Amino acid sequence: MICYDLDFPEWVRLPVLAGARLLCAPANWPALPRPERERPMEVVRAQAAAAINRMFVAVCDRANAERGVEWVGGSVIIDPDGWPIAGPEPGDHEIIIAADCDLASAADKRISERNDVLTDRRPALYGGVTSA
């Protein structure tokens, strides 16, 4: 995926349904105002995508400024529970992040012994998502 694609839950779900355990995306996240000590909303959305789909998500974001645009610098690797395991370290400098990702753990789509993010889906209830 690329950048803004991560904002569409239906689009993120497709690779999961095809068996993906790791989703990688380059990003150009512009730095927008946010409350002090809060993560950029783009990082929060990537965390949600990882947790909702029980998969790893890795984002490579821009840093510094270019043509008057400040960038988040929010590169992050997120585990299937939605928690960052590397990054983000927002700022105005380039970084390299890395993390061990046990991809086998992302094959398990259960969030509890009674809940599974894939088998509990009820597509008939949200068919209207595709009609617009």
N, C-alpha and C. Protein backbone atom coordinates (compact mmCIF):
# COMPACT_ATOMS: atom_id res chain seq x y z
N MET A 1 0.83 -1.17 0.00
CA MET A 1 0.00 0.00 0.00
C MET A 1 0.88 1.24 0.00
N ILE A 2 0.27 2.34 -0.27
CA ILE A 2 1.00 3.60 -0.27
C ILE A 2 0.22 4.62 0.56
N CYS A 3 0.84 5.14 1.59
CA CYS A 3 0.40 6.30 2.35
C CYS A 3 -1.09 6.32 2.68
N TYR A 4 -1.85 7.11 1.97
CA TYR A 4 -3.26 7.36 2.24
C TYR A 4 -4.10 6.09 2.14
N ASP A 5 -3.61 5.06 1.44
CA ASP A 5 -4.33 3.78 1.35
C ASP A 5 -4.64 3.23 2.74
N LEU A 6 -3.77 3.49 3.71
CA LEU A 6 -3.97 2.98 5.07
C LEU A 6 -5.21 3.54 5.75
N ASP A 7 -5.76 4.63 5.22
CA ASP A 7 -6.94 5.26 5.82
C ASP A 7 -8.25 4.56 5.45
N PHE A 8 -8.18 3.55 4.59
CA PHE A 8 -9.38 2.87 4.14
C PHE A 8 -9.43 1.44 4.66
N PRO A 9 -10.21 1.20 5.72
CA PRO A 9 -10.23 -0.13 6.35
C PRO A 9 -10.57 -1.26 5.39
N GLU A 10 -11.45 -1.00 4.43
CA GLU A 10 -11.82 -2.06 3.49
C GLU A 10 -10.62 -2.47 2.65
N TRP A 11 -9.82 -1.50 2.28
CA TRP A 11 -8.65 -1.74 1.43
C TRP A 11 -7.58 -2.50 2.20
N VAL A 12 -7.40 -2.16 3.48
CA VAL A 12 -6.42 -2.84 4.33
C VAL A 12 -6.86 -4.28 4.58
N ARG A 13 -8.15 -4.53 4.68
CA ARG A 13 -8.65 -5.87 4.97
C ARG A 13 -8.39 -6.85 3.83
N LEU A 14 -8.35 -6.36 2.60
CA LEU A 14 -8.17 -7.27 1.46
C LEU A 14 -6.89 -8.09 1.53
N PRO A 15 -5.72 -7.51 1.81
CA PRO A 15 -4.53 -8.36 1.90
C PRO A 15 -4.61 -9.35 3.07
N VAL A 16 -5.29 -8.97 4.14
CA VAL A 16 -5.46 -9.88 5.28
C VAL A 16 -6.26 -11.09 4.84
N LEU A 17 -7.34 -10.84 4.12
CA LEU A 17 -8.17 -11.95 3.64
C LEU A 17 -7.40 -12.84 2.67
N ALA A 18 -6.40 -12.28 2.00
CA ALA A 18 -5.57 -13.06 1.07
C ALA A 18 -4.41 -13.75 1.78
N GLY A 19 -4.31 -13.56 3.11
CA GLY A 19 -3.28 -14.27 3.88
C GLY A 19 -2.09 -13.43 4.29
N ALA A 20 -2.07 -12.14 4.00
CA ALA A 20 -0.92 -11.29 4.38
C ALA A 20 -0.80 -11.22 5.90
N ARG A 21 0.43 -11.25 6.36
CA ARG A 21 0.71 -11.13 7.79
C ARG A 21 1.49 -9.86 8.10
N LEU A 22 2.01 -9.22 7.06
CA LEU A 22 2.78 -7.99 7.18
C LEU A 22 2.36 -7.05 6.06
N LEU A 23 2.00 -5.85 6.43
CA LEU A 23 1.64 -4.83 5.45
C LEU A 23 2.67 -3.72 5.55
N CYS A 24 3.29 -3.37 4.42
CA CYS A 24 4.30 -2.31 4.38
C CYS A 24 3.78 -1.16 3.54
N ALA A 25 4.07 0.06 4.01
CA ALA A 25 3.61 1.22 3.26
C ALA A 25 4.58 2.38 3.40
N PRO A 26 5.05 2.94 2.28
CA PRO A 26 5.76 4.21 2.35
C PRO A 26 4.71 5.29 2.58
N ALA A 27 5.10 6.36 3.27
CA ALA A 27 4.12 7.41 3.58
C ALA A 27 4.75 8.79 3.50
N ASN A 28 3.91 9.76 3.20
CA ASN A 28 4.24 11.18 3.26
C ASN A 28 3.20 11.81 4.20
N TRP A 29 3.40 11.66 5.48
CA TRP A 29 2.45 12.17 6.44
C TRP A 29 2.81 13.61 6.81
N PRO A 30 2.00 14.59 6.39
CA PRO A 30 2.31 15.97 6.76
C PRO A 30 2.05 16.19 8.25
N ALA A 31 2.92 16.98 8.87
CA ALA A 31 2.77 17.27 10.30
C ALA A 31 1.62 18.26 10.48
N LEU A 32 0.59 17.82 11.15
CA LEU A 32 -0.58 18.65 11.44
C LEU A 32 -0.63 18.96 12.93
N PRO A 33 -1.32 20.01 13.31
CA PRO A 33 -1.42 20.32 14.75
C PRO A 33 -2.07 19.17 15.51
N ARG A 34 -1.58 18.92 16.73
CA ARG A 34 -2.16 17.88 17.58
C ARG A 34 -1.88 18.26 19.03
N PRO A 35 -2.65 17.69 19.94
CA PRO A 35 -2.41 17.98 21.36
C PRO A 35 -1.00 17.55 21.77
N GLU A 36 -0.45 18.30 22.68
CA GLU A 36 0.90 18.00 23.18
C GLU A 36 0.97 16.57 23.71
N ARG A 37 2.06 15.89 23.44
CA ARG A 37 2.37 14.52 23.86
C ARG A 37 1.49 13.45 23.21
N GLU A 38 0.71 13.82 22.21
CA GLU A 38 -0.10 12.83 21.49
C GLU A 38 0.64 12.37 20.24
N ARG A 39 0.44 11.11 19.89
CA ARG A 39 1.01 10.59 18.65
C ARG A 39 0.26 11.21 17.48
N PRO A 40 0.94 11.33 16.34
CA PRO A 40 0.24 11.79 15.14
C PRO A 40 -0.91 10.83 14.82
N MET A 41 -2.04 11.37 14.38
CA MET A 41 -3.21 10.55 14.09
C MET A 41 -2.91 9.49 13.04
N GLU A 42 -2.01 9.77 12.11
CA GLU A 42 -1.66 8.78 11.08
C GLU A 42 -1.06 7.54 11.73
N VAL A 43 -0.24 7.72 12.74
CA VAL A 43 0.35 6.58 13.46
C VAL A 43 -0.73 5.82 14.20
N VAL A 44 -1.66 6.55 14.82
CA VAL A 44 -2.77 5.91 15.54
C VAL A 44 -3.61 5.07 14.58
N ARG A 45 -3.88 5.61 13.39
CA ARG A 45 -4.66 4.84 12.41
C ARG A 45 -3.92 3.58 11.97
N ALA A 46 -2.60 3.67 11.79
CA ALA A 46 -1.82 2.49 11.43
C ALA A 46 -1.87 1.46 12.56
N GLN A 47 -1.81 1.93 13.81
CA GLN A 47 -1.93 1.02 14.95
C GLN A 47 -3.29 0.33 14.94
N ALA A 48 -4.34 1.09 14.67
CA ALA A 48 -5.68 0.51 14.61
C ALA A 48 -5.78 -0.53 13.50
N ALA A 49 -5.20 -0.23 12.33
CA ALA A 49 -5.23 -1.19 11.22
C ALA A 49 -4.56 -2.49 11.61
N ALA A 50 -3.43 -2.40 12.31
CA ALA A 50 -2.72 -3.60 12.75
C ALA A 50 -3.57 -4.40 13.73
N ALA A 51 -4.14 -3.74 14.71
CA ALA A 51 -4.93 -4.43 15.75
C ALA A 51 -6.22 -5.02 15.18
N ILE A 52 -6.91 -4.25 14.37
CA ILE A 52 -8.19 -4.71 13.81
C ILE A 52 -7.99 -5.92 12.91
N ASN A 53 -6.86 -5.98 12.25
CA ASN A 53 -6.59 -7.07 11.31
C ASN A 53 -5.63 -8.13 11.84
N ARG A 54 -5.15 -7.94 13.08
CA ARG A 54 -4.21 -8.89 13.69
C ARG A 54 -3.04 -9.18 12.76
N MET A 55 -2.37 -8.12 12.30
CA MET A 55 -1.23 -8.26 11.41
C MET A 55 -0.16 -7.23 11.78
N PHE A 56 1.05 -7.44 11.29
CA PHE A 56 2.11 -6.45 11.44
C PHE A 56 1.91 -5.36 10.39
N VAL A 57 2.18 -4.13 10.76
CA VAL A 57 2.14 -3.01 9.83
C VAL A 57 3.45 -2.25 9.98
N ALA A 58 4.13 -2.03 8.86
CA ALA A 58 5.37 -1.26 8.86
C ALA A 58 5.19 -0.06 7.94
N VAL A 59 5.47 1.12 8.48
CA VAL A 59 5.33 2.35 7.70
C VAL A 59 6.66 3.08 7.68
N CYS A 60 7.08 3.49 6.50
CA CYS A 60 8.28 4.29 6.33
C CYS A 60 7.82 5.70 5.96
N ASP A 61 7.96 6.63 6.91
CA ASP A 61 7.47 7.99 6.72
C ASP A 61 8.62 8.95 6.45
N ARG A 62 8.30 10.09 5.89
CA ARG A 62 9.29 11.14 5.63
C ARG A 62 9.62 11.91 6.90
N ALA A 63 10.75 12.55 6.87
CA ALA A 63 11.16 13.43 7.97
C ALA A 63 11.66 14.73 7.35
N ASN A 64 11.90 15.71 8.21
CA ASN A 64 12.38 17.02 7.77
C ASN A 64 11.28 17.81 7.07
N ALA A 65 11.66 18.78 6.29
CA ALA A 65 10.72 19.62 5.56
C ALA A 65 11.14 19.68 4.10
N GLU A 66 10.15 19.87 3.25
CA GLU A 66 10.42 20.01 1.82
C GLU A 66 9.38 20.94 1.23
N ARG A 67 9.81 21.91 0.48
CA ARG A 67 8.92 22.88 -0.18
C ARG A 67 7.87 23.44 0.78
N GLY A 68 8.31 23.75 1.99
CA GLY A 68 7.42 24.37 2.97
C GLY A 68 6.50 23.41 3.72
N VAL A 69 6.64 22.11 3.50
CA VAL A 69 5.81 21.12 4.21
C VAL A 69 6.67 20.40 5.23
N GLU A 70 6.20 20.41 6.47
CA GLU A 70 6.86 19.65 7.54
C GLU A 70 6.25 18.24 7.53
N TRP A 71 7.11 17.23 7.72
CA TRP A 71 6.64 15.84 7.71
C TRP A 71 6.70 15.27 9.12
N VAL A 72 5.82 14.33 9.42
CA VAL A 72 5.71 13.74 10.75
C VAL A 72 7.00 13.04 11.17
N GLY A 73 7.61 12.29 10.27
CA GLY A 73 8.74 11.46 10.67
C GLY A 73 8.24 10.31 11.53
N GLY A 74 7.11 9.74 11.15
CA GLY A 74 6.43 8.74 11.97
C GLY A 74 6.68 7.30 11.58
N SER A 75 7.85 6.99 11.04
CA SER A 75 8.13 5.58 10.69
C SER A 75 7.91 4.70 11.91
N VAL A 76 7.24 3.57 11.68
CA VAL A 76 6.84 2.72 12.80
C VAL A 76 6.63 1.29 12.31
N ILE A 77 6.91 0.34 13.20
CA ILE A 77 6.57 -1.06 12.97
C ILE A 77 5.65 -1.45 14.12
N ILE A 78 4.49 -2.00 13.77
CA ILE A 78 3.43 -2.26 14.74
C ILE A 78 3.11 -3.75 14.77
N ASP A 79 2.89 -4.28 15.98
CA ASP A 79 2.60 -5.71 16.11
C ASP A 79 1.10 -5.98 15.92
N PRO A 80 0.69 -7.26 15.85
CA PRO A 80 -0.72 -7.59 15.63
C PRO A 80 -1.67 -7.16 16.76
N ASP A 81 -1.14 -6.76 17.89
CA ASP A 81 -1.99 -6.22 18.95
C ASP A 81 -2.18 -4.71 18.80
N GLY A 82 -1.46 -4.11 17.84
CA GLY A 82 -1.59 -2.69 17.59
C GLY A 82 -0.56 -1.83 18.30
N TRP A 83 0.45 -2.46 18.92
CA TRP A 83 1.46 -1.70 19.66
C TRP A 83 2.73 -1.53 18.86
N PRO A 84 3.30 -0.33 18.87
CA PRO A 84 4.58 -0.14 18.18
C PRO A 84 5.68 -0.99 18.80
N ILE A 85 6.44 -1.69 17.95
CA ILE A 85 7.59 -2.45 18.43
C ILE A 85 8.89 -1.81 17.95
N ALA A 86 8.77 -0.81 17.10
CA ALA A 86 9.90 0.03 16.70
C ALA A 86 9.31 1.36 16.24
N GLY A 87 9.90 2.47 16.70
CA GLY A 87 9.35 3.78 16.38
C GLY A 87 8.05 3.97 17.13
N PRO A 88 7.28 4.95 16.85
CA PRO A 88 7.70 6.08 16.03
C PRO A 88 8.56 7.04 16.85
N GLU A 89 9.42 7.71 16.18
CA GLU A 89 10.24 8.74 16.80
C GLU A 89 10.07 10.01 15.98
N PRO A 90 8.87 10.61 16.04
CA PRO A 90 8.63 11.80 15.21
C PRO A 90 9.69 12.86 15.44
N GLY A 91 10.02 13.52 14.37
CA GLY A 91 11.00 14.58 14.47
C GLY A 91 11.52 14.99 13.11
N ASP A 92 12.56 15.77 13.14
CA ASP A 92 13.09 16.33 11.91
C ASP A 92 14.39 15.65 11.47
N HIS A 93 14.52 14.37 11.78
CA HIS A 93 15.74 13.67 11.41
C HIS A 93 15.41 12.29 10.84
N GLU A 94 16.29 11.81 9.98
CA GLU A 94 16.12 10.48 9.42
C GLU A 94 16.54 9.44 10.44
N ILE A 95 15.82 8.32 10.48
CA ILE A 95 16.17 7.22 11.36
C ILE A 95 16.00 5.91 10.60
N ILE A 96 16.62 4.90 11.11
CA ILE A 96 16.41 3.54 10.62
C ILE A 96 15.83 2.76 11.79
N ILE A 97 14.70 2.11 11.55
CA ILE A 97 14.11 1.29 12.59
C ILE A 97 14.05 -0.15 12.09
N ALA A 98 14.08 -1.08 13.02
CA ALA A 98 14.00 -2.50 12.69
C ALA A 98 13.36 -3.23 13.86
N ALA A 99 12.73 -4.33 13.57
CA ALA A 99 12.12 -5.14 14.63
C ALA A 99 11.98 -6.57 14.13
N ASP A 100 12.08 -7.50 15.06
CA ASP A 100 11.79 -8.90 14.74
C ASP A 100 10.28 -9.05 14.71
N CYS A 101 9.78 -9.62 13.64
CA CYS A 101 8.33 -9.83 13.49
C CYS A 101 8.08 -11.32 13.33
N ASP A 102 7.46 -11.92 14.32
CA ASP A 102 7.09 -13.33 14.26
C ASP A 102 5.84 -13.45 13.40
N LEU A 103 6.04 -13.60 12.10
CA LEU A 103 4.91 -13.59 11.18
C LEU A 103 3.91 -14.70 11.45
N ALA A 104 4.37 -15.80 12.04
CA ALA A 104 3.44 -16.89 12.38
C ALA A 104 2.39 -16.41 13.38
N SER A 105 2.79 -15.49 14.27
CA SER A 105 1.82 -15.00 15.25
C SER A 105 0.70 -14.21 14.59
N ALA A 106 0.96 -13.63 13.42
CA ALA A 106 -0.06 -12.86 12.72
C ALA A 106 -1.03 -13.75 11.95
N ALA A 107 -0.76 -15.05 11.92
CA ALA A 107 -1.71 -15.99 11.30
C ALA A 107 -2.89 -16.25 12.22
N ASP A 108 -2.68 -16.07 13.51
CA ASP A 108 -3.73 -16.28 14.51
C ASP A 108 -4.57 -15.02 14.59
N LYS A 109 -5.79 -15.08 14.15
CA LYS A 109 -6.67 -13.92 14.10
C LYS A 109 -7.60 -13.81 15.32
N ARG A 110 -7.32 -14.62 16.34
CA ARG A 110 -8.14 -14.56 17.55
C ARG A 110 -7.68 -13.42 18.46
N ILE A 111 -8.65 -12.70 19.01
CA ILE A 111 -8.32 -11.69 20.01
C ILE A 111 -8.69 -12.19 21.41
N SER A 112 -9.39 -13.31 21.45
CA SER A 112 -9.69 -14.01 22.69
C SER A 112 -10.12 -15.42 22.30
N GLU A 113 -10.42 -16.25 23.27
CA GLU A 113 -10.83 -17.62 22.91
C GLU A 113 -12.19 -17.64 22.20
N ARG A 114 -12.94 -16.56 22.30
CA ARG A 114 -14.27 -16.51 21.67
C ARG A 114 -14.37 -15.55 20.49
N ASN A 115 -13.33 -14.79 20.24
CA ASN A 115 -13.42 -13.77 19.19
C ASN A 115 -12.28 -13.91 18.18
N ASP A 116 -12.65 -13.90 16.90
CA ASP A 116 -11.70 -14.03 15.80
C ASP A 116 -12.06 -12.97 14.76
N VAL A 117 -11.10 -12.11 14.42
CA VAL A 117 -11.40 -10.97 13.55
C VAL A 117 -11.78 -11.36 12.13
N LEU A 118 -11.50 -12.57 11.72
CA LEU A 118 -11.92 -13.00 10.38
C LEU A 118 -13.15 -13.88 10.41
N THR A 119 -13.16 -14.90 11.25
CA THR A 119 -14.31 -15.81 11.23
C THR A 119 -15.58 -15.19 11.81
N ASP A 120 -15.44 -14.13 12.60
CA ASP A 120 -16.62 -13.48 13.19
C ASP A 120 -17.20 -12.39 12.29
N ARG A 121 -16.61 -12.19 11.13
CA ARG A 121 -17.12 -11.16 10.23
C ARG A 121 -18.54 -11.49 9.78
N ARG A 122 -19.32 -10.44 9.51
CA ARG A 122 -20.69 -10.61 9.01
C ARG A 122 -20.87 -9.68 7.81
N PRO A 123 -20.26 -10.04 6.66
CA PRO A 123 -20.28 -9.17 5.48
C PRO A 123 -21.68 -8.75 5.04
N ALA A 124 -22.68 -9.56 5.28
CA ALA A 124 -24.04 -9.19 4.86
C ALA A 124 -24.49 -7.90 5.55
N LEU A 125 -23.95 -7.61 6.71
CA LEU A 125 -24.35 -6.40 7.44
C LEU A 125 -23.71 -5.13 6.90
N TYR A 126 -22.62 -5.24 6.17
CA TYR A 126 -21.95 -4.04 5.70
C TYR A 126 -21.71 -4.05 4.18
N GLY A 127 -22.58 -4.72 3.47
CA GLY A 127 -22.49 -4.73 2.01
C GLY A 127 -22.62 -3.34 1.42
N GLY A 128 -23.30 -2.43 2.11
CA GLY A 128 -23.46 -1.07 1.63
C GLY A 128 -22.16 -0.30 1.56
N VAL A 129 -21.11 -0.80 2.18
CA VAL A 129 -19.82 -0.13 2.14
C VAL A 129 -19.31 -0.05 0.70
N THR A 130 -19.64 -1.05 -0.09
CA THR A 130 -19.12 -1.09 -1.46
C THR A 130 -20.02 -0.37 -2.44
N SER A 131 -21.22 0.00 -2.03
CA SER A 131 -22.09 0.77 -2.94
C SER A 131 -22.06 2.23 -2.53
N ALA A 132 -21.63 3.04 -3.41
CA ALA A 132 -21.59 4.47 -3.10
C ALA A 132 -21.69 5.19 -4.38
